């Protein structure tokens, strides 16, 4: 049986580092489409997703609104009351697929974790979530490893391209255009983004 999945999500003014290539409304739409790609993968795994959002928005999936935009506080109120295994997966991982996530949920350790670039944390799988607390922002991967050690939890660090690739910077759009298969890639193409390999370096360019 697949675990419950907690999905942090920011519906308003997300992905500010994409501002140089996307207008505010386009960034919100791309974030929404990436969320849908993640939710599609959750459905393929028969997971029960819960969106942990910075504000209430129109969606049929169960939502929990982050108190005062404090993601850590909200998740740390949820985890002690969770009576079964769970995933915490970011909403900006449109390349996530069933095979990559199964590597986490079949771990032989107490938990599995996927680091993000720059010291962040993209996905955590917890067999006993009531024994763990999160500390996102900054070098959260190192924080989470220390928390696991202090809690006596064994950890498997998962090396996965599909779960490592979050979409934050303009250069990240290249990976989405090459490897994406869902709604977020289709939206980029709708906006006119294509691949360019000028001077031997692949990039994402927008045709107006």
N, C-alpha and C. Protein backbone atom coordinates (compact mmCIF):
# COMPACT_ATOMS: atom_id res chain seq x y z
N UNK A 1 0.84 -1.19 0.00
CA UNK A 1 0.00 0.00 0.00
C UNK A 1 0.88 1.24 0.00
N UNK A 2 0.55 2.21 -0.84
CA UNK A 2 1.35 3.42 -0.93
C UNK A 2 1.11 4.32 0.26
N UNK A 3 2.13 5.04 0.71
CA UNK A 3 1.95 5.94 1.84
C UNK A 3 1.15 7.18 1.47
N UNK A 4 0.70 7.90 2.48
CA UNK A 4 0.16 9.23 2.24
C UNK A 4 1.29 10.12 1.73
N UNK A 5 0.93 11.17 1.00
CA UNK A 5 1.94 12.07 0.44
C UNK A 5 1.58 13.51 0.80
N UNK A 6 2.47 14.18 1.50
CA UNK A 6 2.32 15.60 1.83
C UNK A 6 3.09 16.40 0.78
N UNK A 7 2.42 17.38 0.15
CA UNK A 7 3.00 18.11 -0.98
C UNK A 7 2.98 19.61 -0.67
N UNK A 8 4.08 20.18 -0.20
CA UNK A 8 4.13 21.63 0.00
C UNK A 8 3.98 22.37 -1.33
N UNK A 9 3.21 23.47 -1.31
CA UNK A 9 2.88 24.17 -2.56
C UNK A 9 2.58 25.63 -2.28
N UNK A 10 3.11 26.50 -3.12
CA UNK A 10 2.87 27.94 -3.02
C UNK A 10 2.10 28.40 -4.24
N UNK A 11 0.78 28.66 -4.12
CA UNK A 11 -0.01 29.00 -5.31
C UNK A 11 0.16 30.44 -5.78
N UNK A 12 0.56 31.35 -4.91
CA UNK A 12 0.66 32.76 -5.30
C UNK A 12 2.12 33.23 -5.32
N UNK A 13 2.48 33.87 -6.42
CA UNK A 13 3.84 34.39 -6.64
C UNK A 13 4.92 33.34 -6.38
N UNK A 14 4.80 32.18 -7.02
CA UNK A 14 5.84 31.15 -6.87
C UNK A 14 6.99 31.37 -7.85
N UNK A 15 8.05 30.65 -7.64
CA UNK A 15 9.14 30.55 -8.61
C UNK A 15 9.67 31.91 -9.06
N UNK A 16 10.01 32.75 -8.10
CA UNK A 16 10.46 34.11 -8.42
C UNK A 16 11.76 34.11 -9.21
N UNK A 17 12.56 33.06 -9.10
CA UNK A 17 13.82 33.02 -9.86
C UNK A 17 13.60 32.77 -11.35
N UNK A 18 12.35 32.49 -11.73
CA UNK A 18 12.02 32.38 -13.14
C UNK A 18 11.46 33.69 -13.70
N UNK A 19 11.52 34.76 -12.91
CA UNK A 19 10.90 36.03 -13.31
C UNK A 19 11.50 36.61 -14.58
N UNK A 20 12.76 36.30 -14.87
CA UNK A 20 13.38 36.87 -16.07
C UNK A 20 12.85 36.24 -17.36
N UNK A 21 12.18 35.10 -17.25
CA UNK A 21 11.66 34.46 -18.47
C UNK A 21 10.15 34.26 -18.44
N UNK A 22 9.52 34.43 -17.27
CA UNK A 22 8.07 34.21 -17.16
C UNK A 22 7.42 35.36 -16.40
N UNK A 23 6.24 35.78 -16.88
CA UNK A 23 5.44 36.77 -16.18
C UNK A 23 4.83 36.14 -14.92
N UNK A 24 4.38 36.96 -13.95
CA UNK A 24 3.81 36.40 -12.71
C UNK A 24 2.71 35.38 -12.94
N UNK A 25 1.77 35.67 -13.84
CA UNK A 25 0.69 34.73 -14.11
C UNK A 25 1.20 33.44 -14.73
N UNK A 26 2.23 33.55 -15.56
CA UNK A 26 2.82 32.37 -16.19
C UNK A 26 3.54 31.51 -15.16
N UNK A 27 4.21 32.15 -14.21
CA UNK A 27 4.88 31.39 -13.15
C UNK A 27 3.86 30.63 -12.30
N UNK A 28 2.74 31.28 -11.99
CA UNK A 28 1.71 30.61 -11.20
C UNK A 28 1.12 29.43 -11.97
N UNK A 29 0.92 29.62 -13.26
CA UNK A 29 0.37 28.54 -14.09
C UNK A 29 1.35 27.39 -14.20
N UNK A 30 2.63 27.68 -14.39
CA UNK A 30 3.63 26.62 -14.47
C UNK A 30 3.71 25.85 -13.16
N UNK A 31 3.70 26.57 -12.04
CA UNK A 31 3.72 25.91 -10.73
C UNK A 31 2.51 25.00 -10.57
N UNK A 32 1.34 25.47 -11.02
CA UNK A 32 0.12 24.66 -10.92
C UNK A 32 0.22 23.41 -11.79
N UNK A 33 0.81 23.54 -12.98
CA UNK A 33 0.94 22.39 -13.86
C UNK A 33 1.96 21.39 -13.32
N UNK A 34 3.03 21.89 -12.70
CA UNK A 34 4.00 20.98 -12.07
C UNK A 34 3.34 20.22 -10.92
N UNK A 35 2.53 20.92 -10.15
CA UNK A 35 1.78 20.25 -9.08
C UNK A 35 0.91 19.14 -9.66
N UNK A 36 0.23 19.40 -10.77
CA UNK A 36 -0.61 18.38 -11.39
C UNK A 36 0.21 17.18 -11.85
N UNK A 37 1.42 17.43 -12.35
CA UNK A 37 2.29 16.31 -12.74
C UNK A 37 2.65 15.45 -11.53
N UNK A 38 2.96 16.11 -10.40
CA UNK A 38 3.27 15.36 -9.18
C UNK A 38 2.05 14.58 -8.71
N UNK A 39 0.88 15.22 -8.74
CA UNK A 39 -0.35 14.54 -8.32
C UNK A 39 -0.66 13.35 -9.22
N UNK A 40 -0.38 13.48 -10.51
CA UNK A 40 -0.60 12.37 -11.44
C UNK A 40 0.26 11.17 -11.05
N UNK A 41 1.51 11.43 -10.68
CA UNK A 41 2.39 10.35 -10.23
C UNK A 41 1.88 9.73 -8.94
N UNK A 42 1.35 10.55 -8.04
CA UNK A 42 0.78 10.03 -6.79
C UNK A 42 -0.40 9.09 -7.09
N UNK A 43 -1.21 9.48 -8.05
CA UNK A 43 -2.36 8.63 -8.41
C UNK A 43 -1.89 7.31 -9.02
N UNK A 44 -0.83 7.37 -9.83
CA UNK A 44 -0.28 6.15 -10.42
C UNK A 44 0.21 5.19 -9.34
N UNK A 45 0.68 5.74 -8.23
CA UNK A 45 1.17 4.92 -7.12
C UNK A 45 0.06 4.59 -6.13
N UNK A 46 -1.16 5.06 -6.41
CA UNK A 46 -2.30 4.85 -5.50
C UNK A 46 -2.06 5.50 -4.14
N UNK A 47 -1.35 6.62 -4.14
CA UNK A 47 -1.12 7.37 -2.91
C UNK A 47 -2.31 8.27 -2.59
N UNK A 48 -2.39 8.68 -1.33
CA UNK A 48 -3.38 9.64 -0.89
C UNK A 48 -2.68 10.98 -0.70
N UNK A 49 -2.77 11.91 -1.69
CA UNK A 49 -2.04 13.17 -1.57
C UNK A 49 -2.79 14.19 -0.71
N UNK A 50 -2.02 14.98 0.02
CA UNK A 50 -2.54 16.12 0.76
C UNK A 50 -1.65 17.31 0.41
N UNK A 51 -2.25 18.38 -0.13
CA UNK A 51 -1.50 19.58 -0.49
C UNK A 51 -1.36 20.46 0.74
N UNK A 52 -0.13 20.81 1.06
CA UNK A 52 0.14 21.71 2.19
C UNK A 52 0.47 23.06 1.57
N UNK A 53 -0.52 23.93 1.47
CA UNK A 53 -0.42 25.15 0.68
C UNK A 53 -0.31 26.39 1.55
N UNK A 54 0.32 27.42 1.00
CA UNK A 54 0.48 28.68 1.72
C UNK A 54 -0.84 29.44 1.83
N UNK A 55 -1.82 29.06 1.02
CA UNK A 55 -3.15 29.64 1.12
C UNK A 55 -4.14 28.70 0.43
N UNK A 56 -5.40 28.81 0.79
CA UNK A 56 -6.43 27.96 0.19
C UNK A 56 -6.61 28.33 -1.27
N UNK A 57 -6.75 27.33 -2.14
CA UNK A 57 -7.02 27.59 -3.55
C UNK A 57 -7.95 26.50 -4.07
N UNK A 58 -8.49 26.72 -5.24
CA UNK A 58 -9.51 25.84 -5.78
C UNK A 58 -8.90 24.55 -6.32
N UNK A 59 -9.13 23.46 -5.61
CA UNK A 59 -8.62 22.15 -6.05
C UNK A 59 -9.40 21.07 -5.31
N UNK A 60 -9.59 19.94 -5.98
CA UNK A 60 -10.37 18.87 -5.38
C UNK A 60 -9.57 18.03 -4.39
N UNK A 61 -8.25 18.15 -4.41
CA UNK A 61 -7.40 17.38 -3.50
C UNK A 61 -7.44 18.01 -2.11
N UNK A 62 -7.43 17.17 -1.08
CA UNK A 62 -7.43 17.63 0.30
C UNK A 62 -6.29 18.61 0.54
N UNK A 63 -6.59 19.70 1.25
CA UNK A 63 -5.58 20.73 1.49
C UNK A 63 -5.44 21.02 2.98
N UNK A 64 -4.23 21.39 3.35
CA UNK A 64 -3.95 21.95 4.67
C UNK A 64 -3.28 23.29 4.43
N UNK A 65 -3.80 24.35 5.03
CA UNK A 65 -3.23 25.67 4.82
C UNK A 65 -2.11 25.92 5.82
N UNK A 66 -0.97 26.36 5.31
CA UNK A 66 0.19 26.62 6.15
C UNK A 66 -0.09 27.81 7.05
N UNK A 67 0.08 27.65 8.34
CA UNK A 67 -0.15 28.72 9.30
C UNK A 67 0.95 29.77 9.18
N UNK A 68 0.55 31.00 8.86
CA UNK A 68 1.50 32.10 8.75
C UNK A 68 2.66 31.76 7.82
N UNK A 69 2.38 30.98 6.79
CA UNK A 69 3.38 30.59 5.79
C UNK A 69 4.58 29.89 6.41
N UNK A 70 4.39 29.24 7.57
CA UNK A 70 5.47 28.52 8.23
C UNK A 70 5.35 27.04 7.92
N UNK A 71 6.04 26.61 6.88
CA UNK A 71 5.95 25.22 6.43
C UNK A 71 6.43 24.26 7.50
N UNK A 72 7.56 24.57 8.12
CA UNK A 72 8.11 23.67 9.13
C UNK A 72 7.14 23.45 10.27
N UNK A 73 6.57 24.54 10.79
CA UNK A 73 5.65 24.41 11.90
C UNK A 73 4.45 23.56 11.53
N UNK A 74 3.91 23.79 10.33
CA UNK A 74 2.73 23.04 9.90
C UNK A 74 3.04 21.55 9.76
N UNK A 75 4.13 21.21 9.09
CA UNK A 75 4.48 19.80 8.91
C UNK A 75 4.81 19.15 10.25
N UNK A 76 5.44 19.89 11.13
CA UNK A 76 5.81 19.31 12.43
C UNK A 76 4.62 19.17 13.36
N UNK A 77 3.50 19.77 13.01
CA UNK A 77 2.26 19.51 13.72
C UNK A 77 1.55 18.28 13.14
N UNK A 78 1.78 18.02 11.85
CA UNK A 78 1.14 16.89 11.18
C UNK A 78 1.85 15.57 11.49
N UNK A 79 3.18 15.57 11.43
CA UNK A 79 3.94 14.33 11.55
C UNK A 79 3.67 13.54 12.84
N UNK A 80 3.58 14.19 14.00
CA UNK A 80 3.35 13.40 15.22
C UNK A 80 1.99 12.71 15.26
N UNK A 81 1.05 13.19 14.44
CA UNK A 81 -0.29 12.60 14.43
C UNK A 81 -0.48 11.59 13.30
N UNK A 82 0.59 11.40 12.50
CA UNK A 82 0.51 10.48 11.36
C UNK A 82 0.79 9.07 11.83
N UNK A 83 -0.15 8.18 11.59
CA UNK A 83 -0.07 6.83 12.16
C UNK A 83 0.46 5.78 11.18
N UNK A 84 0.91 6.23 10.01
CA UNK A 84 1.47 5.29 9.05
C UNK A 84 2.57 5.99 8.26
N UNK A 85 3.25 5.25 7.40
CA UNK A 85 4.35 5.83 6.64
C UNK A 85 3.86 6.95 5.72
N UNK A 86 4.76 7.87 5.38
CA UNK A 86 4.36 8.98 4.52
C UNK A 86 5.53 9.50 3.71
N UNK A 87 5.18 10.16 2.62
CA UNK A 87 6.13 10.87 1.77
C UNK A 87 5.93 12.37 1.98
N UNK A 88 7.02 13.12 1.93
CA UNK A 88 6.95 14.57 1.79
C UNK A 88 7.66 14.89 0.49
N UNK A 89 6.93 15.37 -0.49
CA UNK A 89 7.50 15.61 -1.82
C UNK A 89 7.16 17.02 -2.29
N UNK A 90 8.16 17.73 -2.79
CA UNK A 90 7.96 19.09 -3.25
C UNK A 90 7.11 19.10 -4.53
N UNK A 91 6.38 20.20 -4.73
CA UNK A 91 5.46 20.30 -5.86
C UNK A 91 6.16 20.70 -7.15
N UNK A 92 7.46 20.98 -7.10
CA UNK A 92 8.17 21.42 -8.31
C UNK A 92 9.07 20.32 -8.86
N UNK A 93 8.60 19.08 -8.77
CA UNK A 93 9.36 17.93 -9.27
C UNK A 93 8.57 17.24 -10.38
N UNK A 94 8.37 17.91 -11.53
CA UNK A 94 7.52 17.33 -12.58
C UNK A 94 8.11 16.12 -13.28
N UNK A 95 9.39 15.83 -13.05
CA UNK A 95 9.99 14.64 -13.65
C UNK A 95 9.85 13.41 -12.77
N UNK A 96 9.33 13.58 -11.57
CA UNK A 96 9.14 12.44 -10.67
C UNK A 96 8.25 11.40 -11.33
N UNK A 97 8.61 10.13 -11.18
CA UNK A 97 7.80 9.07 -11.75
C UNK A 97 7.67 7.93 -10.74
N UNK A 98 6.82 6.98 -11.08
CA UNK A 98 6.53 5.88 -10.17
C UNK A 98 7.78 5.08 -9.83
N UNK A 99 8.62 4.81 -10.82
CA UNK A 99 9.82 3.99 -10.59
C UNK A 99 10.77 4.68 -9.61
N UNK A 100 10.97 5.98 -9.78
CA UNK A 100 11.91 6.68 -8.89
C UNK A 100 11.39 6.74 -7.47
N UNK A 101 10.09 6.93 -7.30
CA UNK A 101 9.53 7.00 -5.95
C UNK A 101 9.46 5.63 -5.29
N UNK A 102 9.32 4.57 -6.08
CA UNK A 102 9.32 3.23 -5.50
C UNK A 102 10.66 2.90 -4.86
N UNK A 103 11.73 3.53 -5.36
CA UNK A 103 13.04 3.32 -4.73
C UNK A 103 13.02 3.81 -3.29
N UNK A 104 12.27 4.87 -3.02
CA UNK A 104 12.20 5.39 -1.66
C UNK A 104 11.33 4.49 -0.79
N UNK A 105 10.13 4.17 -1.26
CA UNK A 105 9.17 3.48 -0.39
C UNK A 105 9.52 2.02 -0.17
N UNK A 106 10.50 1.51 -0.91
CA UNK A 106 10.95 0.13 -0.70
C UNK A 106 12.29 0.08 0.04
N UNK A 107 12.72 1.21 0.59
CA UNK A 107 14.00 1.23 1.31
C UNK A 107 13.98 0.27 2.50
N UNK A 108 15.14 -0.28 2.79
CA UNK A 108 15.26 -1.13 3.96
C UNK A 108 15.60 -0.35 5.22
N UNK A 109 15.77 0.97 5.09
CA UNK A 109 16.10 1.83 6.22
C UNK A 109 14.82 2.42 6.84
N UNK A 110 14.98 3.14 7.93
CA UNK A 110 13.84 3.79 8.58
C UNK A 110 13.28 4.92 7.73
N UNK A 111 14.15 5.55 6.95
CA UNK A 111 13.71 6.63 6.07
C UNK A 111 14.63 6.71 4.86
N UNK A 112 14.13 7.36 3.81
CA UNK A 112 14.93 7.62 2.62
C UNK A 112 14.77 9.09 2.28
N UNK A 113 15.83 9.67 1.73
CA UNK A 113 15.83 11.11 1.47
C UNK A 113 16.51 11.39 0.14
N UNK A 114 15.97 12.36 -0.60
CA UNK A 114 16.57 12.79 -1.86
C UNK A 114 17.02 14.24 -1.70
N UNK A 115 18.35 14.49 -1.75
CA UNK A 115 18.81 15.87 -1.63
C UNK A 115 18.48 16.67 -2.88
N UNK A 116 18.26 17.96 -2.68
CA UNK A 116 18.11 18.87 -3.81
C UNK A 116 19.42 19.60 -4.04
N UNK A 117 19.47 20.39 -5.09
CA UNK A 117 20.67 21.17 -5.35
C UNK A 117 20.81 22.29 -4.32
N UNK A 118 22.06 22.63 -4.02
CA UNK A 118 22.30 23.71 -3.09
C UNK A 118 22.01 23.38 -1.65
N UNK A 119 21.94 22.09 -1.33
CA UNK A 119 21.76 21.68 0.05
C UNK A 119 20.33 21.51 0.50
N UNK A 120 19.38 21.63 -0.42
CA UNK A 120 17.97 21.47 -0.06
C UNK A 120 17.55 20.02 0.03
N UNK A 121 16.26 19.82 0.26
CA UNK A 121 15.68 18.48 0.36
C UNK A 121 14.46 18.40 -0.54
N UNK A 122 14.46 17.46 -1.47
CA UNK A 122 13.35 17.35 -2.42
C UNK A 122 12.27 16.36 -2.00
N UNK A 123 12.68 15.22 -1.46
CA UNK A 123 11.71 14.19 -1.06
C UNK A 123 12.21 13.50 0.21
N UNK A 124 11.29 13.20 1.11
CA UNK A 124 11.59 12.39 2.29
C UNK A 124 10.53 11.30 2.40
N UNK A 125 10.96 10.09 2.64
CA UNK A 125 10.04 8.99 2.95
C UNK A 125 10.30 8.55 4.38
N UNK A 126 9.25 8.46 5.18
CA UNK A 126 9.36 8.13 6.59
C UNK A 126 8.48 6.94 6.93
N UNK A 127 9.07 5.89 7.46
CA UNK A 127 8.27 4.75 7.88
C UNK A 127 7.53 5.05 9.19
N UNK A 128 8.15 5.85 10.03
CA UNK A 128 7.55 6.23 11.31
C UNK A 128 7.65 7.76 11.46
N UNK A 129 6.79 8.48 10.77
CA UNK A 129 6.91 9.94 10.72
C UNK A 129 6.80 10.62 12.07
N UNK A 130 6.15 9.98 13.04
CA UNK A 130 5.99 10.58 14.36
C UNK A 130 7.32 10.69 15.10
N UNK A 131 8.38 10.04 14.58
CA UNK A 131 9.70 10.11 15.21
C UNK A 131 10.59 11.20 14.60
N UNK A 132 10.06 11.90 13.60
CA UNK A 132 10.89 12.83 12.84
C UNK A 132 10.28 14.22 12.85
N UNK A 133 11.11 15.22 12.64
CA UNK A 133 10.64 16.58 12.43
C UNK A 133 11.42 17.17 11.25
N UNK A 134 10.82 18.11 10.56
CA UNK A 134 11.47 18.70 9.39
C UNK A 134 12.08 20.05 9.73
N UNK A 135 13.04 20.45 8.91
CA UNK A 135 13.69 21.76 9.06
C UNK A 135 14.09 22.25 7.67
N UNK A 136 13.07 22.64 6.90
CA UNK A 136 13.32 23.11 5.54
C UNK A 136 13.94 24.51 5.55
N UNK A 137 14.40 24.91 4.35
CA UNK A 137 15.07 26.18 4.09
C UNK A 137 16.56 26.05 4.43
N UNK A 138 17.38 26.77 3.67
CA UNK A 138 18.82 26.69 3.89
C UNK A 138 19.35 25.30 3.55
N UNK A 139 20.34 24.88 4.28
CA UNK A 139 20.95 23.55 4.06
C UNK A 139 20.11 22.48 4.74
N UNK A 140 18.89 22.31 4.25
CA UNK A 140 17.94 21.43 4.95
C UNK A 140 18.36 19.96 4.88
N UNK A 141 19.08 19.56 3.81
CA UNK A 141 19.50 18.16 3.73
C UNK A 141 20.38 17.80 4.93
N UNK A 142 21.36 18.65 5.24
CA UNK A 142 22.24 18.38 6.37
C UNK A 142 21.46 18.42 7.69
N UNK A 143 20.53 19.36 7.79
CA UNK A 143 19.69 19.43 8.99
C UNK A 143 18.89 18.14 9.16
N UNK A 144 18.31 17.65 8.07
CA UNK A 144 17.49 16.44 8.16
C UNK A 144 18.32 15.21 8.49
N UNK A 145 19.54 15.14 7.98
CA UNK A 145 20.41 14.03 8.32
C UNK A 145 20.76 14.06 9.81
N UNK A 146 20.99 15.24 10.35
CA UNK A 146 21.31 15.37 11.77
C UNK A 146 20.10 15.02 12.63
N UNK A 147 18.91 15.48 12.22
CA UNK A 147 17.68 15.15 12.96
C UNK A 147 17.47 13.65 12.99
N UNK A 148 17.69 12.98 11.85
CA UNK A 148 17.53 11.53 11.78
C UNK A 148 18.53 10.84 12.71
N UNK A 149 19.76 11.31 12.72
CA UNK A 149 20.78 10.73 13.59
C UNK A 149 20.38 10.87 15.07
N UNK A 150 19.92 12.08 15.43
CA UNK A 150 19.53 12.32 16.82
C UNK A 150 18.33 11.48 17.23
N UNK A 151 17.47 11.16 16.25
CA UNK A 151 16.28 10.34 16.53
C UNK A 151 16.57 8.85 16.46
N UNK A 152 17.80 8.49 16.09
CA UNK A 152 18.17 7.08 15.99
C UNK A 152 17.60 6.39 14.77
N UNK A 153 17.34 7.15 13.71
CA UNK A 153 16.76 6.59 12.49
C UNK A 153 17.83 6.30 11.46
N UNK A 154 17.77 5.12 10.87
CA UNK A 154 18.68 4.80 9.77
C UNK A 154 18.16 5.46 8.49
N UNK A 155 19.10 5.88 7.63
CA UNK A 155 18.74 6.69 6.45
C UNK A 155 19.39 6.13 5.20
N UNK A 156 18.62 6.07 4.12
CA UNK A 156 19.17 5.80 2.79
C UNK A 156 19.07 7.07 1.98
N UNK A 157 20.21 7.53 1.46
CA UNK A 157 20.24 8.70 0.58
C UNK A 157 20.07 8.21 -0.86
N UNK A 158 19.04 8.68 -1.51
CA UNK A 158 18.70 8.21 -2.86
C UNK A 158 19.26 9.17 -3.91
N UNK A 159 20.04 8.62 -4.83
CA UNK A 159 20.59 9.40 -5.95
C UNK A 159 19.66 9.18 -7.15
N UNK A 160 18.84 10.19 -7.46
CA UNK A 160 17.86 10.05 -8.53
C UNK A 160 17.78 11.33 -9.33
N UNK A 161 18.09 11.25 -10.62
CA UNK A 161 18.01 12.43 -11.48
C UNK A 161 16.58 13.00 -11.48
N UNK A 162 15.58 12.14 -11.59
CA UNK A 162 14.21 12.62 -11.70
C UNK A 162 13.71 13.29 -10.43
N UNK A 163 14.20 12.86 -9.29
CA UNK A 163 13.77 13.47 -8.03
C UNK A 163 14.72 14.58 -7.59
N UNK A 164 15.89 14.61 -8.15
CA UNK A 164 16.86 15.66 -7.83
C UNK A 164 16.55 16.94 -8.60
N UNK A 165 15.88 16.82 -9.74
CA UNK A 165 15.68 17.96 -10.64
C UNK A 165 14.42 18.73 -10.28
N UNK A 166 14.60 19.78 -9.50
CA UNK A 166 13.49 20.71 -9.24
C UNK A 166 13.60 21.87 -10.23
N UNK A 167 12.49 22.49 -10.50
CA UNK A 167 12.46 23.55 -11.51
C UNK A 167 12.41 24.90 -10.81
N UNK A 168 13.58 25.54 -10.70
CA UNK A 168 13.71 26.81 -10.00
C UNK A 168 14.30 27.91 -10.86
N UNK A 169 15.26 27.55 -11.70
CA UNK A 169 16.02 28.52 -12.47
C UNK A 169 15.70 28.39 -13.96
N UNK A 170 15.94 29.44 -14.75
CA UNK A 170 15.69 29.34 -16.20
C UNK A 170 16.39 28.16 -16.86
N UNK A 171 17.62 27.84 -16.43
CA UNK A 171 18.33 26.70 -17.04
C UNK A 171 17.63 25.37 -16.75
N UNK A 172 16.84 25.31 -15.68
CA UNK A 172 16.14 24.07 -15.35
C UNK A 172 15.07 23.72 -16.38
N UNK A 173 14.61 24.73 -17.11
CA UNK A 173 13.57 24.49 -18.11
C UNK A 173 14.05 23.55 -19.21
N UNK A 174 15.38 23.51 -19.42
CA UNK A 174 15.94 22.59 -20.41
C UNK A 174 15.61 21.15 -20.04
N UNK A 175 15.80 20.80 -18.77
CA UNK A 175 15.54 19.42 -18.34
C UNK A 175 14.06 19.08 -18.48
N UNK A 176 13.21 20.04 -18.21
CA UNK A 176 11.77 19.79 -18.33
C UNK A 176 11.39 19.58 -19.79
N UNK A 177 11.97 20.36 -20.69
CA UNK A 177 11.67 20.20 -22.12
C UNK A 177 12.21 18.89 -22.68
N UNK A 178 13.35 18.43 -22.16
CA UNK A 178 13.95 17.19 -22.65
C UNK A 178 13.28 15.95 -22.06
N UNK A 179 13.07 15.97 -20.74
CA UNK A 179 12.66 14.75 -20.04
C UNK A 179 11.21 14.75 -19.59
N UNK A 180 10.55 15.90 -19.61
CA UNK A 180 9.17 15.96 -19.15
C UNK A 180 8.20 15.30 -20.12
N UNK A 181 7.13 14.76 -19.56
CA UNK A 181 6.11 14.11 -20.39
C UNK A 181 4.70 14.57 -20.01
N UNK A 182 4.61 15.47 -19.04
CA UNK A 182 3.31 15.82 -18.51
C UNK A 182 2.83 17.20 -18.89
N UNK A 183 1.98 17.75 -18.04
CA UNK A 183 1.31 19.01 -18.32
C UNK A 183 2.25 20.20 -18.27
N UNK A 184 3.25 20.16 -17.41
CA UNK A 184 4.14 21.31 -17.30
C UNK A 184 5.00 21.48 -18.55
N UNK A 185 5.46 20.39 -19.12
CA UNK A 185 6.21 20.51 -20.37
C UNK A 185 5.30 21.03 -21.48
N UNK A 186 4.08 20.52 -21.54
CA UNK A 186 3.13 20.98 -22.57
C UNK A 186 2.86 22.48 -22.41
N UNK A 187 2.81 22.95 -21.17
CA UNK A 187 2.56 24.38 -20.96
C UNK A 187 3.74 25.21 -21.44
N UNK A 188 4.97 24.76 -21.17
CA UNK A 188 6.13 25.48 -21.68
C UNK A 188 6.11 25.57 -23.20
N UNK A 189 5.75 24.48 -23.84
CA UNK A 189 5.68 24.48 -25.30
C UNK A 189 4.57 25.41 -25.79
N UNK A 190 3.48 25.45 -25.05
CA UNK A 190 2.38 26.36 -25.38
C UNK A 190 2.84 27.82 -25.31
N UNK A 191 3.73 28.11 -24.36
CA UNK A 191 4.26 29.46 -24.22
C UNK A 191 5.30 29.79 -25.28
N UNK A 192 5.72 28.80 -26.04
CA UNK A 192 6.68 29.04 -27.11
C UNK A 192 8.11 28.65 -26.80
N UNK A 193 8.33 27.93 -25.69
CA UNK A 193 9.69 27.51 -25.34
C UNK A 193 10.11 26.31 -26.18
N UNK A 194 11.33 26.38 -26.68
CA UNK A 194 11.92 25.27 -27.43
C UNK A 194 13.38 25.14 -27.01
N UNK A 195 14.00 24.05 -27.45
CA UNK A 195 15.42 23.83 -27.16
C UNK A 195 16.29 24.49 -28.22
N UNK A 196 17.40 25.03 -27.77
CA UNK A 196 18.38 25.63 -28.66
C UNK A 196 19.76 25.10 -28.29
N UNK A 197 20.60 24.82 -29.28
CA UNK A 197 21.95 24.32 -28.98
C UNK A 197 23.00 25.22 -29.61
N UNK A 198 22.80 26.52 -29.51
CA UNK A 198 23.78 27.45 -30.04
C UNK A 198 25.11 27.30 -29.32
N UNK A 199 26.19 27.32 -30.08
CA UNK A 199 27.55 27.22 -29.55
C UNK A 199 27.75 25.94 -28.73
N UNK A 200 26.97 24.90 -29.06
CA UNK A 200 27.17 23.60 -28.43
C UNK A 200 26.56 23.46 -27.06
N UNK A 201 25.90 24.48 -26.55
CA UNK A 201 25.28 24.41 -25.23
C UNK A 201 23.76 24.45 -25.38
N UNK A 202 23.11 23.45 -24.82
CA UNK A 202 21.66 23.37 -24.94
C UNK A 202 21.00 24.35 -23.97
N UNK A 203 20.04 25.11 -24.49
CA UNK A 203 19.32 26.05 -23.66
C UNK A 203 17.84 26.05 -24.02
N UNK A 204 17.06 26.75 -23.22
CA UNK A 204 15.63 26.91 -23.50
C UNK A 204 15.40 28.33 -23.97
N UNK A 205 14.84 28.48 -25.15
CA UNK A 205 14.57 29.81 -25.70
C UNK A 205 13.07 29.93 -25.97
N UNK A 206 12.60 31.15 -25.91
CA UNK A 206 11.17 31.40 -26.10
C UNK A 206 10.94 32.17 -27.39
N UNK A 207 10.10 31.63 -28.24
CA UNK A 207 9.75 32.29 -29.49
C UNK A 207 8.44 33.06 -29.27
N UNK A 208 8.52 34.36 -29.38
CA UNK A 208 7.36 35.22 -29.13
C UNK A 208 6.49 35.27 -30.39
